[in-house]
Protein backbone atom coordinates (compact mmCIF):
# COMPACT_ATOMS: atom_id res chain seq x y z
CA TYR A 1 0.00 0.00 0.00
CA THR A 2 2.84 2.38 0.85
CA ASP A 3 4.39 2.00 -2.62
CA PHE A 4 1.08 2.73 -4.35
CA THR A 5 0.33 5.73 -2.13
CA LEU A 6 3.75 7.15 -2.97
CA GLN A 7 2.72 7.03 -6.63
CA CYS A 8 -0.49 8.85 -5.68
CA TRP A 9 1.58 11.52 -3.94
CA ASP A 10 3.95 11.89 -6.88
CA TYR A 11 0.99 12.34 -9.23
CA PHE A 12 -0.51 14.96 -6.89
CA VAL A 13 2.80 16.86 -6.75
CA ASP A 14 2.96 16.74 -10.55
CA LEU A 15 -0.57 18.16 -10.82
CA MET A 16 0.23 20.88 -8.27
CA ARG A 17 3.18 22.05 -10.41
CA ASN A 18 0.59 23.50 -12.79
CA VAL A 19 -1.00 25.60 -10.03
CA ARG A 20 0.36 29.09 -9.57
CA THR A 21 1.20 30.22 -6.04
CA SER A 22 -1.53 32.86 -6.15
CA GLU A 23 -4.12 30.14 -6.87
CA LEU A 24 -3.19 27.72 -4.08
CA CYS A 25 -6.14 28.75 -1.93
CA GLU A 26 -8.76 28.74 -4.70
CA TRP A 27 -10.86 25.59 -4.37
CA LYS A 28 -11.96 25.62 -8.01
CA VAL A 29 -8.29 25.37 -9.01
CA ILE A 30 -7.01 22.89 -6.45
CA SER A 31 -10.10 20.70 -6.13
CA ARG A 32 -9.08 18.43 -9.01
CA PRO A 33 -5.54 17.63 -7.78
CA TYR A 34 -6.79 17.29 -4.21
CA SER A 35 -9.65 15.00 -5.24
CA GLU A 36 -7.28 12.96 -7.40
CA LEU A 37 -5.00 12.42 -4.39
CA GLN A 38 -7.87 11.43 -2.14
CA GLY A 39 -9.42 9.21 -4.81
CA CYS A 40 -6.12 7.47 -5.49
CA LEU A 41 -5.52 6.82 -1.80
CA GLU A 42 -9.05 5.44 -1.41
CA PHE A 43 -8.76 3.33 -4.58
CA TRP A 44 -5.59 1.56 -3.49
CA ALA A 45 -6.88 1.05 0.04
CA GLU A 46 -10.01 -0.61 -1.32
CA ARG A 47 -8.10 -2.58 -3.94
CA LEU A 48 -5.69 -3.98 -1.35
CA ASN A 49 -8.37 -4.52 1.33
CA TYR A 50 -6.79 -1.85 3.48
CA SER A 51 -8.96 0.31 5.71
CA TYR A 52 -9.61 3.90 4.73
CA PRO A 53 -8.96 6.38 6.18
CA ASN A 54 -5.70 5.08 7.53
CA ALA A 55 -2.47 6.47 8.95
CA VAL A 56 -0.59 6.43 5.63
CA ALA A 57 -3.38 8.22 3.76
CA GLU A 58 -3.78 10.77 6.55
CA GLN A 59 -0.05 11.43 6.43
CA TYR A 60 -0.29 12.35 2.74
CA ILE A 61 -3.35 14.54 3.31
CA PHE A 62 -1.62 16.37 6.17
CA GLN A 63 1.53 16.65 4.09
CA SER A 64 -0.46 18.24 1.24
CA HIS A 65 -1.97 20.79 3.62
CA HIS A 66 1.38 21.55 5.20
CA ARG A 67 3.19 21.91 1.88
CA TYR A 68 0.61 23.68 -0.27
CA PHE A 69 -2.29 25.06 1.78
CA HIS A 70 -0.75 26.23 5.06
CA ASN A 71 -1.31 29.93 4.22
CA CYS A 72 -4.97 29.54 3.29
CA THR A 73 -7.49 31.08 5.63
CA LEU A 74 -11.25 31.41 5.50
CA GLU A 75 -12.52 34.64 3.98
CA HIS A 76 -15.22 34.71 6.63
CA PRO A 77 -13.74 33.45 9.88
CA VAL A 78 -15.82 31.03 11.88
CA TYR A 79 -16.52 32.24 15.39
CA PHE A 80 -16.87 29.83 18.26
CA ASP A 81 -18.39 30.26 21.71
CA PRO A 82 -15.86 31.02 24.41
CA PRO A 83 -15.03 28.29 26.92
CA GLU A 84 -17.62 27.77 29.66
CA ASP A 85 -15.54 29.34 32.42
CA VAL A 86 -15.00 32.53 30.38
CA LEU A 87 -18.67 32.64 29.41
CA LEU A 88 -19.72 32.20 33.03
CA ALA A 89 -17.43 35.04 34.12
CA MET A 90 -18.83 37.29 31.41
CA ILE A 91 -22.38 36.61 32.62
CA ILE A 92 -21.77 36.79 36.37
CA ALA A 93 -19.56 39.92 36.42
CA PRO A 94 -22.30 42.34 35.32
CA ILE A 95 -24.87 40.65 37.56
CA CYS A 96 -22.61 41.10 40.59
CA LEU A 97 -21.83 44.70 39.60
CA ILE A 98 -25.49 45.81 39.54
CA PRO A 99 -26.12 45.63 43.34
CA PHE A 100 -22.83 47.44 43.96
CA LEU A 101 -23.76 50.24 41.55
CA VAL A 102 -27.27 50.55 43.01
CA THR A 103 -25.79 50.82 46.52
CA LEU A 104 -23.29 53.42 45.33
CA VAL A 105 -26.02 55.56 43.71
CA ILE A 106 -28.22 55.40 46.83
CA TRP A 107 -25.29 56.22 49.12
CA ARG A 108 -24.20 59.18 46.94
CA SER A 109 -27.78 60.51 46.69
CA LYS A 110 -28.18 60.40 50.50
CA ASP A 111 -24.81 62.13 50.90
CA SER A 112 -25.75 64.95 48.52
CA LYS A 113 -29.09 65.52 50.36
CA ALA A 114 -27.24 65.84 53.66
CA GLN A 115 -24.98 68.57 52.24
CA ALA A 116 -27.87 70.60 50.79
C-alpha cells in the first residue's frame, strides 16, 4: 500500500506544479488535484483490502496541507463560543456589579441631600 500511495503523492505533486502560487487557496483550481489524491488513496486502500482512512493516507493529506495550503485562511472566519468558564465570568460579572452600583447611587444621593 505504501508504494502505491507514494505514486499517488507523486501524481498529486505533478498536478500541483501547474498551479500558480496565487491560486493555491482557490478551491476551483485545487479541487481536481486534491480530489485525485484522495481518490487514489481510497482506490488503493479498497483494492488492497486496506482500511480507509488510515495512517498512511492521513499522512499524505496532512503533508499536502502543510506543503501547499498552510497559508490559506477562511474569507469569513468562523466564530466559536468562548469556553464555559469565560462565558460564566462574562455573565456573572455584570450581575454582581449591579447591586454594587445601586448601593453606590443610593449612598451618593443620600450624601448629597445631607450637604444641601
